[in-house]
Amino acid sequence: MPSDKDIILYPIISEKTVRLKEENKYVFKVDWEANSSEVGKAIEEKFKTKVVKVNLIKMPGKKKRLGRYTGKTPRWKKAIITLKPGEKIKELENI
C-alpha cells in the first residue's frame, strides 16, 4: 500500500479537465496500486475538501516507434474526483 504522499502524483491539466472543473470534478494521475477509498482519503487530507465520488480509469501504455525500434509507454491510472457542491480545490483554480 502506497503512503498518502505517493498516492496523488500530479493533476492533469487539459481542455477537457478545465471544462470538468465547472461540474466540480478534478482529474489527477494517481499511483497504479491505489484504490478508490485511498485516493478519496488522500484528496480530502491534502486539499481539505469533501469528496463525493472517485472514478478510477486504468490507462494503457501507447505503442511508440523511433525508426526501426518499437517500444511502449508505461501504463498509468487516472482518477476523476467529484467534490461536494460548493467545494473547490484552491490550488487548481488559477489554472
PDB file of N, CA and C in Angstrom:
ATOM      1  N   MET A   1       0.833  -1.184   0.000  1.00  0.00           N
ATOM      2  CA  MET A   1       0.000   0.000   0.000  1.00  0.00           C
ATOM      3  C   MET A   1       0.880   1.251   0.000  1.00  0.00           C
ATOM      4  N   PRO A   2       0.672   2.174  -0.951  1.00  0.00           N
ATOM      5  CA  PRO A   2       1.472   3.390  -1.002  1.00  0.00           C
ATOM      6  C   PRO A   2       1.082   4.352   0.112  1.00  0.00           C
ATOM      7  N   SER A   3       2.019   5.210   0.508  1.00  0.00           N
ATOM      8  CA  SER A   3       1.722   6.201   1.534  1.00  0.00           C
ATOM      9  C   SER A   3       0.855   7.311   0.937  1.00  0.00           C
ATOM     10  N   ASP A   4       0.278   8.144   1.798  1.00  0.00           N
ATOM     11  CA  ASP A   4      -0.626   9.202   1.334  1.00  0.00           C
ATOM     12  C   ASP A   4       0.049  10.162   0.365  1.00  0.00           C
ATOM     13  N   LYS A   5       1.328  10.445   0.590  1.00  0.00           N
ATOM     14  CA  LYS A   5       2.030  11.380  -0.290  1.00  0.00           C
ATOM     15  C   LYS A   5       2.267  10.777  -1.665  1.00  0.00           C
ATOM     16  N   ASP A   6       2.387   9.450  -1.735  1.00  0.00           N
ATOM     17  CA  ASP A   6       2.684   8.806  -3.009  1.00  0.00           C
ATOM     18  C   ASP A   6       1.438   8.488  -3.817  1.00  0.00           C
ATOM     19  N   ILE A   7       0.246   8.589  -3.240  1.00  0.00           N
ATOM     20  CA  ILE A   7      -0.974   8.211  -3.960  1.00  0.00           C
ATOM     21  C   ILE A   7      -1.276   9.200  -5.077  1.00  0.00           C
ATOM     22  N   ILE A   8      -1.298  10.490  -4.770  1.00  0.00           N
ATOM     23  CA  ILE A   8      -1.599  11.523  -5.765  1.00  0.00           C
ATOM     24  C   ILE A   8      -0.282  11.980  -6.369  1.00  0.00           C
ATOM     25  N   LEU A   9      -0.093  11.724  -7.654  1.00  0.00           N
ATOM     26  CA  LEU A   9       1.170  12.091  -8.291  1.00  0.00           C
ATOM     27  C   LEU A   9       1.140  13.544  -8.768  1.00  0.00           C
ATOM     28  N   TYR A  10       0.154  13.901  -9.598  1.00  0.00           N
ATOM     29  CA  TYR A  10       0.015  15.293 -10.044  1.00  0.00           C
ATOM     30  C   TYR A  10      -1.335  15.473 -10.744  1.00  0.00           C
ATOM     31  N   PRO A  11      -1.822  16.735 -10.809  1.00  0.00           N
ATOM     32  CA  PRO A  11      -3.080  16.986 -11.519  1.00  0.00           C
ATOM     33  C   PRO A  11      -2.861  16.949 -13.030  1.00  0.00           C
ATOM     34  N   ILE A  12      -3.897  16.567 -13.745  1.00  0.00           N
ATOM     35  CA  ILE A  12      -3.854  16.549 -15.206  1.00  0.00           C
ATOM     36  C   ILE A  12      -4.598  17.783 -15.696  1.00  0.00           C
ATOM     37  N   ILE A  13      -3.895  18.624 -16.457  1.00  0.00           N
ATOM     38  CA  ILE A  13      -4.477  19.865 -16.959  1.00  0.00           C
ATOM     39  C   ILE A  13      -4.602  19.762 -18.476  1.00  0.00           C
ATOM     40  N   SER A  14      -5.818  19.794 -18.971  1.00  0.00           N
ATOM     41  CA  SER A  14      -6.081  19.795 -20.406  1.00  0.00           C
ATOM     42  C   SER A  14      -7.377  20.565 -20.638  1.00  0.00           C
ATOM     43  N   GLU A  15      -7.773  20.709 -21.889  1.00  0.00           N
ATOM     44  CA  GLU A  15      -9.010  21.418 -22.183  1.00  0.00           C
ATOM     45  C   GLU A  15     -10.196  20.704 -21.559  1.00  0.00           C
ATOM     46  N   LYS A  16     -10.187  19.384 -21.635  1.00  0.00           N
ATOM     47  CA  LYS A  16     -11.298  18.609 -21.092  1.00  0.00           C
ATOM     48  C   LYS A  16     -11.369  18.730 -19.567  1.00  0.00           C
ATOM     49  N   THR A  17     -10.233  18.663 -18.889  1.00  0.00           N
ATOM     50  CA  THR A  17     -10.260  18.736 -17.427  1.00  0.00           C
ATOM     51  C   THR A  17     -10.636  20.134 -16.935  1.00  0.00           C
ATOM     52  N   VAL A  18     -10.303  21.166 -17.711  1.00  0.00           N
ATOM     53  CA  VAL A  18     -10.711  22.520 -17.338  1.00  0.00           C
ATOM     54  C   VAL A  18     -12.229  22.641 -17.449  1.00  0.00           C
ATOM     55  N   ARG A  19     -12.837  22.014 -18.461  1.00  0.00           N
ATOM     56  CA  ARG A  19     -14.299  22.001 -18.580  1.00  0.00           C
ATOM     57  C   ARG A  19     -14.942  21.212 -17.444  1.00  0.00           C
ATOM     58  N   LEU A  20     -14.291  20.133 -17.007  1.00  0.00           N
ATOM     59  CA  LEU A  20     -14.841  19.318 -15.921  1.00  0.00           C
ATOM     60  C   LEU A  20     -14.870  20.083 -14.600  1.00  0.00           C
ATOM     61  N   LYS A  21     -13.975  21.074 -14.438  1.00  0.00           N
ATOM     62  CA  LYS A  21     -13.960  21.874 -13.202  1.00  0.00           C
ATOM     63  C   LYS A  21     -15.287  22.588 -12.984  1.00  0.00           C
ATOM     64  N   GLU A  22     -15.984  22.935 -14.075  1.00  0.00           N
ATOM     65  CA  GLU A  22     -17.283  23.590 -13.955  1.00  0.00           C
ATOM     66  C   GLU A  22     -18.312  22.652 -13.326  1.00  0.00           C
ATOM     67  N   GLU A  23     -18.119  21.344 -13.467  1.00  0.00           N
ATOM     68  CA  GLU A  23     -19.005  20.340 -12.868  1.00  0.00           C
ATOM     69  C   GLU A  23     -18.487  19.884 -11.508  1.00  0.00           C
ATOM     70  N   ASN A  24     -17.496  20.591 -10.972  1.00  0.00           N
ATOM     71  CA  ASN A  24     -16.894  20.277  -9.672  1.00  0.00           C
ATOM     72  C   ASN A  24     -16.127  18.953  -9.705  1.00  0.00           C
ATOM     73  N   LYS A  25     -15.490  18.652 -10.841  1.00  0.00           N
ATOM     74  CA  LYS A  25     -14.695  17.437 -10.986  1.00  0.00           C
ATOM     75  C   LYS A  25     -13.250  17.815 -11.285  1.00  0.00           C
ATOM     76  N   TYR A  26     -12.332  17.099 -10.660  1.00  0.00           N
ATOM     77  CA  TYR A  26     -10.900  17.337 -10.848  1.00  0.00           C
ATOM     78  C   TYR A  26     -10.238  16.027 -11.248  1.00  0.00           C
ATOM     79  N   VAL A  27      -9.188  16.107 -12.061  1.00  0.00           N
ATOM     80  CA  VAL A  27      -8.542  14.911 -12.594  1.00  0.00           C
ATOM     81  C   VAL A  27      -7.087  14.870 -12.135  1.00  0.00           C
ATOM     82  N   PHE A  28      -6.650  13.706 -11.636  1.00  0.00           N
ATOM     83  CA  PHE A  28      -5.293  13.513 -11.143  1.00  0.00           C
ATOM     84  C   PHE A  28      -4.711  12.221 -11.686  1.00  0.00           C
ATOM     85  N   LYS A  29      -3.400  12.209 -11.855  1.00  0.00           N
ATOM     86  CA  LYS A  29      -2.694  10.963 -12.099  1.00  0.00           C
ATOM     87  C   LYS A  29      -2.369  10.396 -10.724  1.00  0.00           C
ATOM     88  N   VAL A  30      -2.713   9.116 -10.504  1.00  0.00           N
ATOM     89  CA  VAL A  30      -2.530   8.507  -9.192  1.00  0.00           C
ATOM     90  C   VAL A  30      -1.688   7.237  -9.317  1.00  0.00           C
ATOM     91  N   ASP A  31      -1.256   6.733  -8.180  1.00  0.00           N
ATOM     92  CA  ASP A  31      -0.442   5.526  -8.130  1.00  0.00           C
ATOM     93  C   ASP A  31      -1.227   4.330  -8.675  1.00  0.00           C
ATOM     94  N   TRP A  32      -0.551   3.442  -9.381  1.00  0.00           N
ATOM     95  CA  TRP A  32      -1.180   2.284 -10.005  1.00  0.00           C
ATOM     96  C   TRP A  32      -1.813   1.356  -8.969  1.00  0.00           C
ATOM     97  N   GLU A  33      -1.241   1.261  -7.774  1.00  0.00           N
ATOM     98  CA  GLU A  33      -1.716   0.336  -6.744  1.00  0.00           C
ATOM     99  C   GLU A  33      -2.868   0.902  -5.912  1.00  0.00           C
ATOM    100  N   ALA A  34      -3.159   2.194  -6.021  1.00  0.00           N
ATOM    101  CA  ALA A  34      -4.155   2.838  -5.159  1.00  0.00           C
ATOM    102  C   ALA A  34      -5.574   2.448  -5.564  1.00  0.00           C
ATOM    103  N   ASN A  35      -6.464   2.346  -4.554  1.00  0.00           N
ATOM    104  CA  ASN A  35      -7.876   2.096  -4.836  1.00  0.00           C
ATOM    105  C   ASN A  35      -8.685   3.362  -4.557  1.00  0.00           C
ATOM    106  N   SER A  36      -9.988   3.302  -4.821  1.00  0.00           N
ATOM    107  CA  SER A  36     -10.833   4.495  -4.744  1.00  0.00           C
ATOM    108  C   SER A  36     -10.870   5.106  -3.351  1.00  0.00           C
ATOM    109  N   SER A  37     -10.999   4.280  -2.332  1.00  0.00           N
ATOM    110  CA  SER A  37     -11.101   4.833  -0.976  1.00  0.00           C
ATOM    111  C   SER A  37      -9.794   5.489  -0.550  1.00  0.00           C
ATOM    112  N   GLU A  38      -8.648   4.915  -0.925  1.00  0.00           N
ATOM    113  CA  GLU A  38      -7.349   5.525  -0.601  1.00  0.00           C
ATOM    114  C   GLU A  38      -7.188   6.870  -1.305  1.00  0.00           C
ATOM    115  N   VAL A  39      -7.595   6.935  -2.573  1.00  0.00           N
ATOM    116  CA  VAL A  39      -7.483   8.182  -3.333  1.00  0.00           C
ATOM    117  C   VAL A  39      -8.386   9.246  -2.720  1.00  0.00           C
ATOM    118  N   GLY A  40      -9.614   8.888  -2.370  1.00  0.00           N
ATOM    119  CA  GLY A  40     -10.541   9.845  -1.770  1.00  0.00           C
ATOM    120  C   GLY A  40     -10.024  10.399  -0.457  1.00  0.00           C
ATOM    121  N   LYS A  41      -9.490   9.528   0.400  1.00  0.00           N
ATOM    122  CA  LYS A  41      -8.943   9.977   1.678  1.00  0.00           C
ATOM    123  C   LYS A  41      -7.738  10.887   1.469  1.00  0.00           C
ATOM    124  N   ALA A  42      -6.878  10.544   0.511  1.00  0.00           N
ATOM    125  CA  ALA A  42      -5.686  11.354   0.244  1.00  0.00           C
ATOM    126  C   ALA A  42      -6.065  12.746  -0.248  1.00  0.00           C
ATOM    127  N   ILE A  43      -7.072  12.840  -1.119  1.00  0.00           N
ATOM    128  CA  ILE A  43      -7.530  14.143  -1.621  1.00  0.00           C
ATOM    129  C   ILE A  43      -8.112  14.969  -0.477  1.00  0.00           C
ATOM    130  N   GLU A  44      -8.938  14.339   0.365  1.00  0.00           N
ATOM    131  CA  GLU A  44      -9.549  15.067   1.480  1.00  0.00           C
ATOM    132  C   GLU A  44      -8.497  15.597   2.446  1.00  0.00           C
ATOM    133  N   GLU A  45      -7.470  14.796   2.738  1.00  0.00           N
ATOM    134  CA  GLU A  45      -6.429  15.218   3.666  1.00  0.00           C
ATOM    135  C   GLU A  45      -5.533  16.296   3.069  1.00  0.00           C
ATOM    136  N   LYS A  46      -5.174  16.142   1.803  1.00  0.00           N
ATOM    137  CA  LYS A  46      -4.229  17.072   1.185  1.00  0.00           C
ATOM    138  C   LYS A  46      -4.860  18.437   0.897  1.00  0.00           C
ATOM    139  N   PHE A  47      -6.098  18.443   0.386  1.00  0.00           N
ATOM    140  CA  PHE A  47      -6.717  19.694  -0.048  1.00  0.00           C
ATOM    141  C   PHE A  47      -7.815  20.186   0.891  1.00  0.00           C
ATOM    142  N   LYS A  48      -8.091  19.474   1.980  1.00  0.00           N
ATOM    143  CA  LYS A  48      -9.089  19.874   2.981  1.00  0.00           C
ATOM    144  C   LYS A  48     -10.457  20.113   2.341  1.00  0.00           C
ATOM    145  N   THR A  49     -10.911  19.156   1.528  1.00  0.00           N
ATOM    146  CA  THR A  49     -12.210  19.237   0.870  1.00  0.00           C
ATOM    147  C   THR A  49     -12.997  17.964   1.158  1.00  0.00           C
ATOM    148  N   LYS A  50     -14.255  17.925   0.743  1.00  0.00           N
ATOM    149  CA  LYS A  50     -15.116  16.765   0.932  1.00  0.00           C
ATOM    150  C   LYS A  50     -15.346  16.094  -0.418  1.00  0.00           C
ATOM    151  N   VAL A  51     -14.913  14.836  -0.546  1.00  0.00           N
ATOM    152  CA  VAL A  51     -15.038  14.082  -1.795  1.00  0.00           C
ATOM    153  C   VAL A  51     -16.353  13.315  -1.779  1.00  0.00           C
ATOM    154  N   VAL A  52     -17.114  13.429  -2.876  1.00  0.00           N
ATOM    155  CA  VAL A  52     -18.379  12.707  -3.004  1.00  0.00           C
ATOM    156  C   VAL A  52     -18.164  11.388  -3.746  1.00  0.00           C
ATOM    157  N   LYS A  53     -17.353  11.415  -4.810  1.00  0.00           N
ATOM    158  CA  LYS A  53     -17.203  10.245  -5.671  1.00  0.00           C
ATOM    159  C   LYS A  53     -15.801  10.215  -6.274  1.00  0.00           C
ATOM    160  N   VAL A  54     -15.274   8.995  -6.456  1.00  0.00           N
ATOM    161  CA  VAL A  54     -13.969   8.801  -7.088  1.00  0.00           C
ATOM    162  C   VAL A  54     -14.126   7.774  -8.203  1.00  0.00           C
ATOM    163  N   ASN A  55     -13.795   8.162  -9.425  1.00  0.00           N
ATOM    164  CA  ASN A  55     -13.777   7.237 -10.556  1.00  0.00           C
ATOM    165  C   ASN A  55     -12.328   6.992 -10.947  1.00  0.00           C
ATOM    166  N   LEU A  56     -11.924   5.720 -11.027  1.00  0.00           N
ATOM    167  CA  LEU A  56     -10.568   5.369 -11.439  1.00  0.00           C
ATOM    168  C   LEU A  56     -10.603   4.763 -12.835  1.00  0.00           C
ATOM    169  N   ILE A  57      -9.647   5.170 -13.651  1.00  0.00           N
ATOM    170  CA  ILE A  57      -9.545   4.675 -15.017  1.00  0.00           C
ATOM    171  C   ILE A  57      -8.120   4.196 -15.236  1.00  0.00           C
ATOM    172  N   LYS A  58      -7.970   2.950 -15.669  1.00  0.00           N
ATOM    173  CA  LYS A  58      -6.649   2.423 -15.997  1.00  0.00           C
ATOM    174  C   LYS A  58      -6.340   2.768 -17.447  1.00  0.00           C
ATOM    175  N   MET A  59      -5.288   3.551 -17.638  1.00  0.00           N
ATOM    176  CA  MET A  59      -4.915   3.992 -18.973  1.00  0.00           C
ATOM    177  C   MET A  59      -3.807   3.077 -19.503  1.00  0.00           C
ATOM    178  N   PRO A  60      -4.014   2.458 -20.663  1.00  0.00           N
ATOM    179  CA  PRO A  60      -2.984   1.562 -21.200  1.00  0.00           C
ATOM    180  C   PRO A  60      -1.807   2.345 -21.762  1.00  0.00           C
ATOM    181  N   GLY A  61      -0.647   1.700 -21.836  1.00  0.00           N
ATOM    182  CA  GLY A  61       0.513   2.321 -22.457  1.00  0.00           C
ATOM    183  C   GLY A  61       0.327   2.385 -23.963  1.00  0.00           C
ATOM    184  N   LYS A  62       0.899   3.394 -24.576  1.00  0.00           N
ATOM    185  CA  LYS A  62       0.788   3.544 -26.028  1.00  0.00           C
ATOM    186  C   LYS A  62       2.012   2.966 -26.708  1.00  0.00           C
ATOM    187  N   LYS A  63       1.822   2.420 -27.891  1.00  0.00           N
ATOM    188  CA  LYS A  63       2.948   1.932 -28.675  1.00  0.00           C
ATOM    189  C   LYS A  63       3.641   3.119 -29.323  1.00  0.00           C
ATOM    190  N   LYS A  64       4.953   3.165 -29.219  1.00  0.00           N
ATOM    191  CA  LYS A  64       5.741   4.246 -29.800  1.00  0.00           C
ATOM    192  C   LYS A  64       6.814   3.627 -30.690  1.00  0.00           C
ATOM    193  N   ARG A  65       7.218   4.389 -31.679  1.00  0.00           N
ATOM    194  CA  ARG A  65       8.228   3.891 -32.591  1.00  0.00           C
ATOM    195  C   ARG A  65       9.194   5.001 -32.942  1.00  0.00           C
ATOM    196  N   LEU A  66      10.478   4.672 -32.957  1.00  0.00           N
ATOM    197  CA  LEU A  66      11.511   5.608 -33.343  1.00  0.00           C
ATOM    198  C   LEU A  66      12.396   4.879 -34.346  1.00  0.00           C
ATOM    199  N   GLY A  67      12.188   5.185 -35.622  1.00  0.00           N
ATOM    200  CA  GLY A  67      12.909   4.465 -36.659  1.00  0.00           C
ATOM    201  C   GLY A  67      12.467   3.007 -36.704  1.00  0.00           C
ATOM    202  N   ARG A  68      13.412   2.109 -36.608  1.00  0.00           N
ATOM    203  CA  ARG A  68      13.053   0.688 -36.638  1.00  0.00           C
ATOM    204  C   ARG A  68      12.819   0.123 -35.248  1.00  0.00           C
ATOM    205  N   TYR A  69      13.005   0.928 -34.216  1.00  0.00           N
ATOM    206  CA  TYR A  69      12.836   0.453 -32.842  1.00  0.00           C
ATOM    207  C   TYR A  69      11.425   0.745 -32.340  1.00  0.00           C
ATOM    208  N   THR A  70      10.829  -0.229 -31.732  1.00  0.00           N
ATOM    209  CA  THR A  70       9.496  -0.042 -31.178  1.00  0.00           C
ATOM    210  C   THR A  70       9.564  -0.179 -29.662  1.00  0.00           C
ATOM    211  N   GLY A  71       8.626   0.454 -29.008  1.00  0.00           N
ATOM    212  CA  GLY A  71       8.565   0.384 -27.556  1.00  0.00           C
ATOM    213  C   GLY A  71       7.160   0.711 -27.099  1.00  0.00           C
ATOM    214  N   LYS A  72       7.013   0.886 -25.814  1.00  0.00           N
ATOM    215  CA  LYS A  72       5.700   1.157 -25.258  1.00  0.00           C
ATOM    216  C   LYS A  72       5.850   2.081 -24.060  1.00  0.00           C
ATOM    217  N   THR A  73       4.961   3.073 -23.963  1.00  0.00           N
ATOM    218  CA  THR A  73       4.970   3.945 -22.799  1.00  0.00           C
ATOM    219  C   THR A  73       4.340   3.190 -21.621  1.00  0.00           C
ATOM    220  N   PRO A  74       4.670   3.546 -20.397  1.00  0.00           N
ATOM    221  CA  PRO A  74       4.123   2.815 -19.255  1.00  0.00           C
ATOM    222  C   PRO A  74       2.624   3.061 -19.072  1.00  0.00           C
ATOM    223  N   ARG A  75       1.946   2.075 -18.497  1.00  0.00           N
ATOM    224  CA  ARG A  75       0.535   2.230 -18.164  1.00  0.00           C
ATOM    225  C   ARG A  75       0.432   3.122 -16.932  1.00  0.00           C
ATOM    226  N   TRP A  76      -0.738   3.741 -16.738  1.00  0.00           N
ATOM    227  CA  TRP A  76      -0.927   4.616 -15.596  1.00  0.00           C
ATOM    228  C   TRP A  76      -2.400   4.656 -15.229  1.00  0.00           C
ATOM    229  N   LYS A  77      -2.692   5.246 -14.084  1.00  0.00           N
ATOM    230  CA  LYS A  77      -4.057   5.300 -13.582  1.00  0.00           C
ATOM    231  C   LYS A  77      -4.477   6.749 -13.381  1.00  0.00           C
ATOM    232  N   LYS A  78      -5.715   7.039 -13.836  1.00  0.00           N
ATOM    233  CA  LYS A  78      -6.269   8.380 -13.754  1.00  0.00           C
ATOM    234  C   LYS A  78      -7.464   8.354 -12.800  1.00  0.00           C
ATOM    235  N   ALA A  79      -7.585   9.382 -11.959  1.00  0.00           N
ATOM    236  CA  ALA A  79      -8.705   9.492 -11.030  1.00  0.00           C
ATOM    237  C   ALA A  79      -9.491  10.754 -11.338  1.00  0.00           C
ATOM    238  N   ILE A  80     -10.810  10.601 -11.482  1.00  0.00           N
ATOM    239  CA  ILE A  80     -11.695  11.751 -11.625  1.00  0.00           C
ATOM    240  C   ILE A  80     -12.417  11.903 -10.294  1.00  0.00           C
ATOM    241  N   ILE A  81     -12.163  13.022  -9.623  1.00  0.00           N
ATOM    242  CA  ILE A  81     -12.669  13.271  -8.281  1.00  0.00           C
ATOM    243  C   ILE A  81     -13.844  14.238  -8.367  1.00  0.00           C
ATOM    244  N   THR A  82     -14.994  13.849  -7.806  1.00  0.00           N
ATOM    245  CA  THR A  82     -16.148  14.738  -7.725  1.00  0.00           C
ATOM    246  C   THR A  82     -16.245  15.263  -6.294  1.00  0.00           C
ATOM    247  N   LEU A  83     -16.243  16.581  -6.165  1.00  0.00           N
ATOM    248  CA  LEU A  83     -16.313  17.206  -4.847  1.00  0.00           C
ATOM    249  C   LEU A  83     -17.750  17.578  -4.499  1.00  0.00           C
ATOM    250  N   LYS A  84     -17.983  17.788  -3.212  1.00  0.00           N
ATOM    251  CA  LYS A  84     -19.278  18.223  -2.715  1.00  0.00           C
ATOM    252  C   LYS A  84     -19.612  19.582  -3.333  1.00  0.00           C
ATOM    253  N   PRO A  85     -20.884  19.837  -3.681  1.00  0.00           N
ATOM    254  CA  PRO A  85     -21.241  21.137  -4.266  1.00  0.00           C
ATOM    255  C   PRO A  85     -20.802  22.293  -3.371  1.00  0.00           C
ATOM    256  N   GLY A  86     -20.186  23.294  -3.985  1.00  0.00           N
ATOM    257  CA  GLY A  86     -19.680  24.446  -3.246  1.00  0.00           C
ATOM    258  C   GLY A  86     -18.223  24.322  -2.849  1.00  0.00           C
ATOM    259  N   GLU A  87     -17.670  23.119  -2.861  1.00  0.00           N
ATOM    260  CA  GLU A  87     -16.260  22.896  -2.506  1.00  0.00           C
ATOM    261  C   GLU A  87     -15.395  23.127  -3.739  1.00  0.00           C
ATOM    262  N   LYS A  88     -14.174  23.595  -3.517  1.00  0.00           N
ATOM    263  CA  LYS A  88     -13.215  23.801  -4.604  1.00  0.00           C
ATOM    264  C   LYS A  88     -11.820  23.487  -4.097  1.00  0.00           C
ATOM    265  N   ILE A  89     -10.932  23.147  -5.014  1.00  0.00           N
ATOM    266  CA  ILE A  89      -9.514  22.983  -4.687  1.00  0.00           C
ATOM    267  C   ILE A  89      -8.846  24.296  -5.088  1.00  0.00           C
ATOM    268  N   LYS A  90      -8.478  25.088  -4.091  1.00  0.00           N
ATOM    269  CA  LYS A  90      -7.961  26.445  -4.343  1.00  0.00           C
ATOM    270  C   LYS A  90      -6.680  26.425  -5.147  1.00  0.00           C
ATOM    271  N   GLU A  91      -5.833  25.415  -4.943  1.00  0.00           N
ATOM    272  CA  GLU A  91      -4.549  25.350  -5.626  1.00  0.00           C
ATOM    273  C   GLU A  91      -4.714  25.193  -7.136  1.00  0.00           C
ATOM    274  N   LEU A  92      -5.844  24.634  -7.592  1.00  0.00           N
ATOM    275  CA  LEU A  92      -6.044  24.380  -9.015  1.00  0.00           C
ATOM    276  C   LEU A  92      -7.007  25.360  -9.661  1.00  0.00           C
ATOM    277  N   GLU A  93      -7.509  26.327  -8.946  1.00  0.00           N
ATOM    278  CA  GLU A  93      -8.495  27.247  -9.502  1.00  0.00           C
ATOM    279  C   GLU A  93      -7.877  28.290 -10.437  1.00  0.00           C
ATOM    280  N   ASN A  94      -6.618  28.636 -10.282  1.00  0.00           N
ATOM    281  CA  ASN A  94      -5.996  29.673 -11.112  1.00  0.00           C
ATOM    282  C   ASN A  94      -5.555  29.149 -12.456  1.00  0.00           C
ATOM    283  N   ILE A  95      -5.681  27.873 -12.671  1.00  0.00           N
ATOM    284  CA  ILE A  95      -5.190  27.281 -13.920  1.00  0.00           C
ATOM    285  C   ILE A  95      -6.273  27.334 -14.972  1.00  0.00           C
TER     286      ILE A  95
END
